[in-house]
């Protein structure tokens, strides 16, 4: 290499024949070096490089398959979750509907019971009023009888004078009112 540099530096302007761009020597040596480097790369680097690429491809393919498997399982789990949520919604709606039906039934029963109790209270009040009326009439009747008897006895005891008769009746009535 040192000789080549010295020859180029001598300044005659000509390169050695094997380096001349217009001769077949440069093409031969370039092709030979290219073949040697390609063979060397094929033996030393190409095999391990292809092996590494194949391993990487297998890892990526395995990762894709695993991701698809995980995605399918996640989809199944999501569908199962949605099915469970739908069942829960249906069960909740059923419970709400049952609650509404129970509420209506309880309100109807309470209304029926209230009407029945009100009718019982009215009937009892009517009986009490009737008994009170009968008792009051009996008392009035008894009082009228007593009053009539008292007036008659006073009238019989007194003379049959009209002025005296009015005074006796007024006295009996005043005594009865005070009692």
C-alpha atoms as a PDB file:
ATOM      1  CA  UNK A   1       0.000   0.000   0.000  1.00  0.00           C
ATOM      2  CA  UNK A   2       2.890   2.254   0.772  1.00  0.00           C
ATOM      3  CA  UNK A   3       4.316   1.648  -2.675  1.00  0.00           C
ATOM      4  CA  UNK A   4       1.066   2.523  -4.306  1.00  0.00           C
ATOM      5  CA  UNK A   5       0.907   5.800  -2.460  1.00  0.00           C
ATOM      6  CA  UNK A   6       4.491   6.632  -3.428  1.00  0.00           C
ATOM      7  CA  UNK A   7       3.772   5.942  -7.067  1.00  0.00           C
ATOM      8  CA  UNK A   8       0.688   8.156  -7.004  1.00  0.00           C
ATOM      9  CA  UNK A   9       2.596  10.882  -5.191  1.00  0.00           C
ATOM     10  CA  UNK A  10       5.435  10.847  -7.742  1.00  0.00           C
ATOM     11  CA  UNK A  11       3.173  12.878  -9.926  1.00  0.00           C
ATOM     12  CA  UNK A  12       3.525  11.220 -13.319  1.00  0.00           C
ATOM     13  CA  UNK A  13      -0.248  11.171 -13.536  1.00  0.00           C
ATOM     14  CA  UNK A  14      -0.581   7.469 -14.351  1.00  0.00           C
ATOM     15  CA  UNK A  15      -2.025   4.889 -12.000  1.00  0.00           C
ATOM     16  CA  UNK A  16      -0.786   1.302 -12.000  1.00  0.00           C
ATOM     17  CA  UNK A  17      -2.535  -0.956 -14.536  1.00  0.00           C
ATOM     18  CA  UNK A  18      -4.560  -2.917 -12.032  1.00  0.00           C
ATOM     19  CA  UNK A  19      -6.043   0.362 -10.777  1.00  0.00           C
ATOM     20  CA  UNK A  20      -6.658   1.878 -14.165  1.00  0.00           C
ATOM     21  CA  UNK A  21     -10.389   2.624 -14.536  1.00  0.00           C
ATOM     22  CA  UNK A  22     -10.234   1.809 -18.272  1.00  0.00           C
ATOM     23  CA  UNK A  23      -8.816  -1.670 -17.923  1.00  0.00           C
ATOM     24  CA  UNK A  24     -10.324  -5.014 -16.953  1.00  0.00           C
ATOM     25  CA  UNK A  25      -7.963  -5.393 -14.017  1.00  0.00           C
ATOM     26  CA  UNK A  26      -9.963  -3.078 -11.784  1.00  0.00           C
ATOM     27  CA  UNK A  27     -13.198  -4.897 -12.625  1.00  0.00           C
ATOM     28  CA  UNK A  28     -11.578  -8.264 -11.864  1.00  0.00           C
ATOM     29  CA  UNK A  29     -10.202  -7.193  -8.516  1.00  0.00           C
ATOM     30  CA  UNK A  30     -13.456  -5.437  -7.541  1.00  0.00           C
ATOM     31  CA  UNK A  31     -15.483  -8.542  -8.433  1.00  0.00           C
ATOM     32  CA  UNK A  32     -13.037 -10.813  -6.581  1.00  0.00           C
ATOM     33  CA  UNK A  33     -13.150  -8.683  -3.437  1.00  0.00           C
ATOM     34  CA  UNK A  34     -16.957  -8.431  -3.668  1.00  0.00           C
ATOM     35  CA  UNK A  35     -17.270 -12.219  -3.996  1.00  0.00           C
ATOM     36  CA  UNK A  36     -14.872 -12.765  -1.089  1.00  0.00           C
ATOM     37  CA  UNK A  37     -16.753 -10.303   1.147  1.00  0.00           C
ATOM     38  CA  UNK A  38     -20.129 -11.790   0.083  1.00  0.00           C
ATOM     39  CA  UNK A  39     -18.879 -15.326   0.851  1.00  0.00           C
ATOM     40  CA  UNK A  40     -17.457 -14.177   4.146  1.00  0.00           C
ATOM     41  CA  UNK A  41     -20.700 -12.418   5.077  1.00  0.00           C
ATOM     42  CA  UNK A  42     -22.712 -15.448   3.934  1.00  0.00           C
ATOM     43  CA  UNK A  43     -20.670 -17.823   6.106  1.00  0.00           C
ATOM     44  CA  UNK A  44     -20.165 -15.561   9.109  1.00  0.00           C
ATOM     45  CA  UNK A  45     -23.054 -13.081   9.271  1.00  0.00           C
ATOM     46  CA  UNK A  46     -25.830 -14.203   6.930  1.00  0.00           C
ATOM     47  CA  UNK A  47     -26.593 -17.468   8.774  1.00  0.00           C
ATOM     48  CA  UNK A  48     -26.766 -15.954  12.246  1.00  0.00           C
ATOM     49  CA  UNK A  49     -28.650 -12.975  10.824  1.00  0.00           C
ATOM     50  CA  UNK A  50     -31.222 -15.234   9.141  1.00  0.00           C
ATOM     51  CA  UNK A  51     -31.431 -17.363  12.287  1.00  0.00           C
ATOM     52  CA  UNK A  52     -32.035 -14.249  14.405  1.00  0.00           C
ATOM     53  CA  UNK A  53     -34.636 -13.002  11.919  1.00  0.00           C
ATOM     54  CA  UNK A  54     -36.369 -16.417  11.892  1.00  0.00           C
ATOM     55  CA  UNK A  55     -36.392 -16.490  15.709  1.00  0.00           C
ATOM     56  CA  UNK A  56     -37.751 -12.945  15.783  1.00  0.00           C
ATOM     57  CA  UNK A  57     -40.407 -13.870  13.230  1.00  0.00           C
ATOM     58  CA  UNK A  58     -41.408 -16.893  15.319  1.00  0.00           C
ATOM     59  CA  UNK A  59     -41.526 -14.766  18.489  1.00  0.00           C
ATOM     60  CA  UNK A  60     -43.642 -12.144  16.738  1.00  0.00           C
ATOM     61  CA  UNK A  61     -45.895 -14.841  15.247  1.00  0.00           C
ATOM     62  CA  UNK A  62     -46.225 -16.462  18.686  1.00  0.00           C
ATOM     63  CA  UNK A  63     -46.960 -13.087  20.264  1.00  0.00           C
ATOM     64  CA  UNK A  64     -49.600 -12.390  17.602  1.00  0.00           C
ATOM     65  CA  UNK A  65     -51.179 -15.805  18.166  1.00  0.00           C
ATOM     66  CA  UNK A  66     -51.097 -15.277  21.921  1.00  0.00           C
ATOM     67  CA  UNK A  67     -52.584 -11.782  21.519  1.00  0.00           C
ATOM     68  CA  UNK A  68     -55.357 -13.186  19.319  1.00  0.00           C
ATOM     69  CA  UNK A  69     -55.997 -15.909  21.888  1.00  0.00           C
ATOM     70  CA  UNK A  70     -56.089 -13.351  24.692  1.00  0.00           C
ATOM     71  CA  UNK A  71     -58.346 -11.128  22.594  1.00  0.00           C
ATOM     72  CA  UNK A  72     -60.722 -14.042  21.914  1.00  0.00           C
ATOM     73  CA  UNK A  73     -60.769 -14.942  25.605  1.00  0.00           C
ATOM     74  CA  UNK A  74     -61.316 -11.293  26.535  1.00  0.00           C
ATOM     75  CA  UNK A  75     -64.189 -11.141  24.049  1.00  0.00           C
ATOM     76  CA  UNK A  76     -65.694 -14.286  25.601  1.00  0.00           C
ATOM     77  CA  UNK A  77     -65.283 -12.807  29.062  1.00  0.00           C
ATOM     78  CA  UNK A  78     -66.830  -9.512  27.922  1.00  0.00           C
ATOM     79  CA  UNK A  79     -69.765 -11.369  26.369  1.00  0.00           C
ATOM     80  CA  UNK A  80     -70.184 -13.422  29.550  1.00  0.00           C
ATOM     81  CA  UNK A  81     -70.096 -10.201  31.596  1.00  0.00           C
ATOM     82  CA  UNK A  82     -72.680  -8.570  29.326  1.00  0.00           C
ATOM     83  CA  UNK A  83     -74.896 -11.664  29.613  1.00  0.00           C
ATOM     84  CA  UNK A  84     -74.610 -11.546  33.395  1.00  0.00           C
ATOM     85  CA  UNK A  85     -75.381  -7.819  33.387  1.00  0.00           C
ATOM     86  CA  UNK A  86     -78.444  -8.440  31.220  1.00  0.00           C
ATOM     87  CA  UNK A  87     -79.597 -11.199  33.582  1.00  0.00           C
ATOM     88  CA  UNK A  88     -79.022  -8.878  36.551  1.00  0.00           C
ATOM     89  CA  UNK A  89     -81.019  -6.113  34.839  1.00  0.00           C
ATOM     90  CA  UNK A  90     -83.838  -8.551  34.101  1.00  0.00           C
ATOM     91  CA  UNK A  91     -83.803  -9.815  37.703  1.00  0.00           C
ATOM     92  CA  UNK A  92     -83.792  -6.241  39.020  1.00  0.00           C
ATOM     93  CA  UNK A  93     -86.691  -5.322  36.751  1.00  0.00           C
ATOM     94  CA  UNK A  94     -88.568  -8.412  37.925  1.00  0.00           C
ATOM     95  CA  UNK A  95     -87.984  -7.422  41.556  1.00  0.00           C
ATOM     96  CA  UNK A  96     -89.183  -3.886  40.794  1.00  0.00           C
ATOM     97  CA  UNK A  97     -92.287  -5.253  39.061  1.00  0.00           C
ATOM     98  CA  UNK A  98     -92.996  -7.567  42.005  1.00  0.00           C
ATOM     99  CA  UNK A  99     -92.543  -4.608  44.364  1.00  0.00           C
ATOM    100  CA  UNK A 100     -94.986  -2.540  42.335  1.00  0.00           C
ATOM    101  CA  UNK A 101     -97.511  -5.395  42.353  1.00  0.00           C
ATOM    102  CA  UNK A 102     -97.045  -5.856  46.120  1.00  0.00           C
ATOM    103  CA  UNK A 103     -97.446  -2.107  46.637  1.00  0.00           C
ATOM    104  CA  UNK A 104    -100.706  -2.085  44.684  1.00  0.00           C
ATOM    105  CA  UNK A 105    -101.944  -5.128  46.596  1.00  0.00           C
ATOM    106  CA  UNK A 106    -101.052  -3.585  49.971  1.00  0.00           C
ATOM    107  CA  UNK A 107    -102.743  -0.303  49.011  1.00  0.00           C
ATOM    108  CA  UNK A 108    -105.875  -2.161  47.865  1.00  0.00           C
ATOM    109  CA  UNK A 109    -105.941  -4.227  51.085  1.00  0.00           C
ATOM    110  CA  UNK A 110    -105.431  -1.113  53.228  1.00  0.00           C
ATOM    111  CA  UNK A 111    -108.187   0.700  51.329  1.00  0.00           C
ATOM    112  CA  UNK A 112    -110.560  -2.277  51.762  1.00  0.00           C
ATOM    113  CA  UNK A 113    -109.691  -2.532  55.452  1.00  0.00           C
ATOM    114  CA  UNK A 114    -110.183   1.229  55.955  1.00  0.00           C
ATOM    115  CA  UNK A 115    -113.564   1.122  54.204  1.00  0.00           C
ATOM    116  CA  UNK A 116    -114.577  -1.883  56.314  1.00  0.00           C
ATOM    117  CA  UNK A 117    -113.464  -0.181  59.538  1.00  0.00           C
ATOM    118  CA  UNK A 118    -115.263   3.020  58.532  1.00  0.00           C
ATOM    119  CA  UNK A 119    -118.437   1.029  57.868  1.00  0.00           C
ATOM    120  CA  UNK A 120    -118.068  -0.678  61.258  1.00  0.00           C
ATOM    121  CA  UNK A 121    -117.582   2.695  62.963  1.00  0.00           C
ATOM    122  CA  UNK A 122    -120.629   4.099  61.168  1.00  0.00           C
ATOM    123  CA  UNK A 123    -122.723   1.081  62.154  1.00  0.00           C
ATOM    124  CA  UNK A 124    -121.541   1.331  65.767  1.00  0.00           C
ATOM    125  CA  UNK A 125    -122.265   5.082  65.782  1.00  0.00           C
ATOM    126  CA  UNK A 126    -125.718   4.460  64.308  1.00  0.00           C
ATOM    127  CA  UNK A 127    -126.395   1.834  67.015  1.00  0.00           C
ATOM    128  CA  UNK A 128    -125.119   4.186  69.718  1.00  0.00           C
ATOM    129  CA  UNK A 129    -127.284   6.999  68.359  1.00  0.00           C
ATOM    130  CA  UNK A 130    -130.279   4.674  68.176  1.00  0.00           C
ATOM    131  CA  UNK A 131    -129.689   3.451  71.748  1.00  0.00           C
ATOM    132  CA  UNK A 132    -129.193   7.014  72.984  1.00  0.00           C
ATOM    133  CA  UNK A 133    -132.345   8.092  71.171  1.00  0.00           C
ATOM    134  CA  UNK A 134    -134.340   5.186  72.621  1.00  0.00           C
ATOM    135  CA  UNK A 135    -132.951   5.900  76.102  1.00  0.00           C
ATOM    136  CA  UNK A 136    -133.692   9.616  75.756  1.00  0.00           C
ATOM    137  CA  UNK A 137    -137.218   8.879  74.575  1.00  0.00           C
ATOM    138  CA  UNK A 138    -137.694   6.474  77.474  1.00  0.00           C
ATOM    139  CA  UNK A 139    -136.400   9.110  79.893  1.00  0.00           C
ATOM    140  CA  UNK A 140    -138.646  11.765  78.351  1.00  0.00           C
ATOM    141  CA  UNK A 141    -141.546   9.359  78.532  1.00  0.00           C
ATOM    142  CA  UNK A 142    -140.791   8.540  82.153  1.00  0.00           C
ATOM    143  CA  UNK A 143    -140.294  12.200  82.992  1.00  0.00           C
ATOM    144  CA  UNK A 144    -143.537  13.105  81.263  1.00  0.00           C
ATOM    145  CA  UNK A 145    -145.302  10.351  83.146  1.00  0.00           C
ATOM    146  CA  UNK A 146    -143.828  11.498  86.472  1.00  0.00           C
ATOM    147  CA  UNK A 147    -144.669  15.089  85.634  1.00  0.00           C
ATOM    148  CA  UNK A 148    -148.190  14.138  84.687  1.00  0.00           C
ATOM    149  CA  UNK A 149    -148.565  12.124  87.888  1.00  0.00           C
ATOM    150  CA  UNK A 150    -147.144  14.941  89.986  1.00  0.00           C
ATOM    151  CA  UNK A 151    -149.437  17.445  88.384  1.00  0.00           C
ATOM    152  CA  UNK A 152    -152.435  15.157  88.790  1.00  0.00           C
ATOM    153  CA  UNK A 153    -151.688  14.475  92.439  1.00  0.00           C
ATOM    154  CA  UNK A 154    -151.274  18.179  93.178  1.00  0.00           C
ATOM    155  CA  UNK A 155    -154.390  18.976  91.264  1.00  0.00           C
ATOM    156  CA  UNK A 156    -156.356  16.346  93.149  1.00  0.00           C
ATOM    157  CA  UNK A 157    -155.028  17.555  96.479  1.00  0.00           C
ATOM    158  CA  UNK A 158    -155.849  21.151  95.766  1.00  0.00           C
ATOM    159  CA  UNK A 159    -159.232  22.639  95.239  1.00  0.00           C
ATOM    160  CA  UNK A 160    -160.543  22.722  91.814  1.00  0.00           C
ATOM    161  CA  UNK A 161    -160.079  26.427  91.521  1.00  0.00           C
ATOM    162  CA  UNK A 162    -158.633  27.511  88.157  1.00  0.00           C
ATOM    163  CA  UNK A 163    -156.254  30.130  89.533  1.00  0.00           C
ATOM    164  CA  UNK A 164    -155.000  27.767  92.154  1.00  0.00           C
ATOM    165  CA  UNK A 165    -154.722  25.027  89.541  1.00  0.00           C
ATOM    166  CA  UNK A 166    -152.400  27.212  87.371  1.00  0.00           C
ATOM    167  CA  UNK A 167    -150.210  28.069  90.349  1.00  0.00           C
ATOM    168  CA  UNK A 168    -149.866  24.398  91.306  1.00  0.00           C
ATOM    169  CA  UNK A 169    -148.937  23.408  87.719  1.00  0.00           C
ATOM    170  CA  UNK A 170    -146.334  26.224  87.525  1.00  0.00           C
ATOM    171  CA  UNK A 171    -144.811  25.147  90.871  1.00  0.00           C
ATOM    172  CA  UNK A 172    -144.592  21.511  89.761  1.00  0.00           C
ATOM    173  CA  UNK A 173    -143.000  22.527  86.435  1.00  0.00           C
ATOM    174  CA  UNK A 174    -140.426  24.774  88.171  1.00  0.00           C
ATOM    175  CA  UNK A 175    -139.593  21.992  90.635  1.00  0.00           C
ATOM    176  CA  UNK A 176    -139.190  19.518  87.761  1.00  0.00           C
ATOM    177  CA  UNK A 177    -136.908  21.893  85.819  1.00  0.00           C
ATOM    178  CA  UNK A 178    -134.648  22.372  88.819  1.00  0.00           C
ATOM    179  CA  UNK A 179    -134.378  18.652  89.340  1.00  0.00           C
END
